[in-house]
Amino acid sequence: MTRPLNEQIAACRLAAGLSQPALARAIGTGQSAVARLESPESGGHSVLVRTLERIAEATGATLEIRLIPKGGK
C-alpha cells in the first residue's frame, strides 16, 4: 500500500538531509507551507504538481504520477 503523500514528502526531505526551512528555501516557499504539506491533517492533499516537481528536484527524488483504473486494466 502506498504511504500518504504527506509522509512521502517528509521521507524524501529527511532522506535528502534537509530541514523544513532548508526545503522551503529550495522550493521558494516558507517553512510553514512545508509543515502543512507534511501535516497528517492535510495528508498532502491539494498539492500542485509544480510543487511536487520542485520538491523532487530539491530532494533528488523521482516524481511518478499514476492513474490506475479499477481492476488494474
N, C-alpha and C. Protein backbone atom coordinates (compact mmCIF):
# COMPACT_ATOMS: atom_id res chain seq x y z
N MET A 1 0.84 -1.19 0.00
CA MET A 1 0.00 0.00 0.00
C MET A 1 0.88 1.24 0.00
N THR A 2 0.50 2.23 -0.76
CA THR A 2 1.25 3.47 -0.86
C THR A 2 1.03 4.34 0.37
N ARG A 3 2.11 4.91 0.88
CA ARG A 3 2.01 5.81 2.02
C ARG A 3 1.32 7.10 1.60
N PRO A 4 0.67 7.78 2.53
CA PRO A 4 0.06 9.08 2.21
C PRO A 4 1.11 10.06 1.70
N LEU A 5 0.67 10.98 0.85
CA LEU A 5 1.59 11.92 0.22
C LEU A 5 2.36 12.75 1.24
N ASN A 6 1.71 13.16 2.33
CA ASN A 6 2.42 13.95 3.34
C ASN A 6 3.60 13.18 3.91
N GLU A 7 3.44 11.87 4.12
CA GLU A 7 4.53 11.05 4.64
C GLU A 7 5.64 10.88 3.60
N GLN A 8 5.25 10.78 2.34
CA GLN A 8 6.25 10.66 1.27
C GLN A 8 7.10 11.93 1.16
N ILE A 9 6.44 13.08 1.29
CA ILE A 9 7.17 14.36 1.23
C ILE A 9 8.18 14.43 2.36
N ALA A 10 7.74 14.11 3.58
CA ALA A 10 8.64 14.15 4.73
C ALA A 10 9.79 13.16 4.58
N ALA A 11 9.49 11.96 4.09
CA ALA A 11 10.53 10.94 3.92
C ALA A 11 11.58 11.39 2.91
N CYS A 12 11.16 12.01 1.82
CA CYS A 12 12.12 12.49 0.81
C CYS A 12 12.98 13.61 1.38
N ARG A 13 12.35 14.50 2.14
CA ARG A 13 13.10 15.60 2.75
C ARG A 13 14.15 15.06 3.71
N LEU A 14 13.75 14.14 4.57
CA LEU A 14 14.68 13.57 5.55
C LEU A 14 15.79 12.78 4.88
N ALA A 15 15.46 12.01 3.84
CA ALA A 15 16.47 11.23 3.12
C ALA A 15 17.50 12.14 2.45
N ALA A 16 17.06 13.34 2.09
CA ALA A 16 17.98 14.30 1.47
C ALA A 16 18.76 15.09 2.52
N GLY A 17 18.45 14.85 3.80
CA GLY A 17 19.16 15.55 4.87
C GLY A 17 18.77 17.01 5.00
N LEU A 18 17.54 17.33 4.62
CA LEU A 18 17.08 18.72 4.65
C LEU A 18 16.13 18.96 5.82
N SER A 19 16.24 20.12 6.42
CA SER A 19 15.27 20.55 7.41
C SER A 19 14.07 21.15 6.67
N GLN A 20 12.99 21.38 7.37
CA GLN A 20 11.85 22.03 6.73
C GLN A 20 12.22 23.41 6.20
N PRO A 21 12.94 24.24 6.97
CA PRO A 21 13.32 25.55 6.43
C PRO A 21 14.22 25.44 5.19
N ALA A 22 15.12 24.47 5.18
CA ALA A 22 16.02 24.31 4.02
C ALA A 22 15.23 23.89 2.78
N LEU A 23 14.29 22.97 2.94
CA LEU A 23 13.46 22.57 1.81
C LEU A 23 12.61 23.75 1.34
N ALA A 24 12.07 24.49 2.28
CA ALA A 24 11.26 25.66 1.93
C ALA A 24 12.06 26.64 1.08
N ARG A 25 13.29 26.92 1.48
CA ARG A 25 14.14 27.83 0.69
C ARG A 25 14.40 27.26 -0.70
N ALA A 26 14.64 25.96 -0.77
CA ALA A 26 14.96 25.32 -2.05
C ALA A 26 13.78 25.35 -3.03
N ILE A 27 12.56 25.33 -2.50
CA ILE A 27 11.40 25.31 -3.39
C ILE A 27 10.70 26.66 -3.47
N GLY A 28 11.26 27.66 -2.79
CA GLY A 28 10.73 29.01 -2.90
C GLY A 28 9.45 29.27 -2.12
N THR A 29 9.38 28.71 -0.92
CA THR A 29 8.20 28.93 -0.08
C THR A 29 8.65 29.08 1.37
N GLY A 30 7.72 29.18 2.27
CA GLY A 30 8.04 29.31 3.68
C GLY A 30 8.01 27.98 4.41
N GLN A 31 8.65 27.94 5.57
CA GLN A 31 8.69 26.72 6.37
C GLN A 31 7.29 26.27 6.77
N SER A 32 6.39 27.22 7.02
CA SER A 32 5.04 26.84 7.42
C SER A 32 4.31 26.10 6.29
N ALA A 33 4.62 26.43 5.04
CA ALA A 33 4.00 25.73 3.91
C ALA A 33 4.49 24.28 3.86
N VAL A 34 5.78 24.08 4.12
CA VAL A 34 6.32 22.71 4.14
C VAL A 34 5.69 21.94 5.30
N ALA A 35 5.56 22.58 6.45
CA ALA A 35 4.93 21.93 7.60
C ALA A 35 3.50 21.51 7.26
N ARG A 36 2.77 22.36 6.56
CA ARG A 36 1.40 22.00 6.16
C ARG A 36 1.40 20.81 5.21
N LEU A 37 2.34 20.79 4.25
CA LEU A 37 2.41 19.68 3.30
C LEU A 37 2.68 18.36 4.00
N GLU A 38 3.46 18.42 5.09
CA GLU A 38 3.85 17.21 5.81
C GLU A 38 2.88 16.86 6.94
N SER A 39 1.90 17.69 7.16
CA SER A 39 0.96 17.50 8.27
C SER A 39 0.04 16.31 8.04
N PRO A 40 -0.13 15.47 9.05
CA PRO A 40 -1.06 14.34 8.92
C PRO A 40 -2.49 14.81 8.64
N GLU A 41 -2.84 16.00 9.13
CA GLU A 41 -4.19 16.52 8.89
C GLU A 41 -4.42 16.81 7.42
N SER A 42 -3.37 17.26 6.72
CA SER A 42 -3.54 17.58 5.31
C SER A 42 -3.46 16.33 4.45
N GLY A 43 -2.67 15.38 4.91
CA GLY A 43 -2.47 14.17 4.11
C GLY A 43 -1.77 14.46 2.80
N GLY A 44 -1.28 15.71 2.64
CA GLY A 44 -0.62 16.08 1.40
C GLY A 44 -1.60 16.41 0.29
N HIS A 45 -2.88 16.57 0.64
CA HIS A 45 -3.89 16.87 -0.38
C HIS A 45 -3.73 18.29 -0.91
N SER A 46 -4.23 18.52 -2.07
CA SER A 46 -4.24 19.83 -2.71
C SER A 46 -2.83 20.37 -2.96
N VAL A 47 -1.94 19.51 -3.37
CA VAL A 47 -0.58 19.92 -3.69
C VAL A 47 -0.49 20.05 -5.21
N LEU A 48 0.00 21.19 -5.67
CA LEU A 48 0.18 21.39 -7.10
C LEU A 48 1.28 20.48 -7.63
N VAL A 49 1.11 20.01 -8.84
CA VAL A 49 2.13 19.16 -9.47
C VAL A 49 3.45 19.93 -9.53
N ARG A 50 3.41 21.21 -9.82
CA ARG A 50 4.65 22.01 -9.88
C ARG A 50 5.37 22.00 -8.53
N THR A 51 4.62 22.04 -7.45
CA THR A 51 5.23 21.98 -6.11
C THR A 51 5.90 20.63 -5.91
N LEU A 52 5.24 19.57 -6.32
CA LEU A 52 5.84 18.23 -6.21
C LEU A 52 7.10 18.13 -7.07
N GLU A 53 7.09 18.74 -8.24
CA GLU A 53 8.28 18.74 -9.10
C GLU A 53 9.44 19.45 -8.40
N ARG A 54 9.14 20.57 -7.75
CA ARG A 54 10.19 21.32 -7.03
C ARG A 54 10.73 20.51 -5.85
N ILE A 55 9.84 19.84 -5.13
CA ILE A 55 10.28 19.01 -4.00
C ILE A 55 11.16 17.87 -4.51
N ALA A 56 10.75 17.23 -5.58
CA ALA A 56 11.55 16.14 -6.15
C ALA A 56 12.92 16.64 -6.56
N GLU A 57 12.96 17.78 -7.21
CA GLU A 57 14.25 18.34 -7.65
C GLU A 57 15.14 18.68 -6.46
N ALA A 58 14.55 19.29 -5.44
CA ALA A 58 15.33 19.71 -4.26
C ALA A 58 15.84 18.53 -3.45
N THR A 59 15.11 17.42 -3.46
CA THR A 59 15.49 16.27 -2.63
C THR A 59 16.17 15.16 -3.41
N GLY A 60 16.21 15.28 -4.73
CA GLY A 60 16.81 14.23 -5.55
C GLY A 60 15.88 13.04 -5.73
N ALA A 61 14.61 13.23 -5.42
CA ALA A 61 13.63 12.15 -5.54
C ALA A 61 13.11 12.06 -6.98
N THR A 62 12.49 10.97 -7.29
CA THR A 62 11.83 10.78 -8.58
C THR A 62 10.33 10.96 -8.36
N LEU A 63 9.73 11.81 -9.17
CA LEU A 63 8.29 12.04 -9.08
C LEU A 63 7.60 11.17 -10.11
N GLU A 64 6.67 10.36 -9.64
CA GLU A 64 5.90 9.49 -10.52
C GLU A 64 4.43 9.69 -10.20
N ILE A 65 3.66 10.11 -11.19
CA ILE A 65 2.24 10.30 -11.01
C ILE A 65 1.53 9.25 -11.84
N ARG A 66 0.62 8.50 -11.20
CA ARG A 66 -0.03 7.40 -11.90
C ARG A 66 -1.52 7.42 -11.66
N LEU A 67 -2.25 7.09 -12.67
CA LEU A 67 -3.68 6.80 -12.55
C LEU A 67 -3.86 5.34 -12.95
N ILE A 68 -4.42 4.56 -12.06
CA ILE A 68 -4.59 3.15 -12.33
C ILE A 68 -6.08 2.86 -12.33
N PRO A 69 -6.63 2.40 -13.43
CA PRO A 69 -8.07 2.15 -13.47
C PRO A 69 -8.47 1.01 -12.54
N LYS A 70 -9.73 1.03 -12.17
CA LYS A 70 -10.26 -0.05 -11.33
C LYS A 70 -10.01 -1.37 -12.02
N GLY A 71 -9.63 -2.34 -11.26
CA GLY A 71 -9.35 -3.65 -11.80
C GLY A 71 -7.94 -3.76 -12.38
N GLY A 72 -7.19 -2.67 -12.37
CA GLY A 72 -5.82 -2.69 -12.83
C GLY A 72 -5.64 -2.94 -14.31
N LYS A 73 -6.64 -2.65 -15.12
CA LYS A 73 -6.56 -2.90 -16.56
C LYS A 73 -6.22 -1.64 -17.31
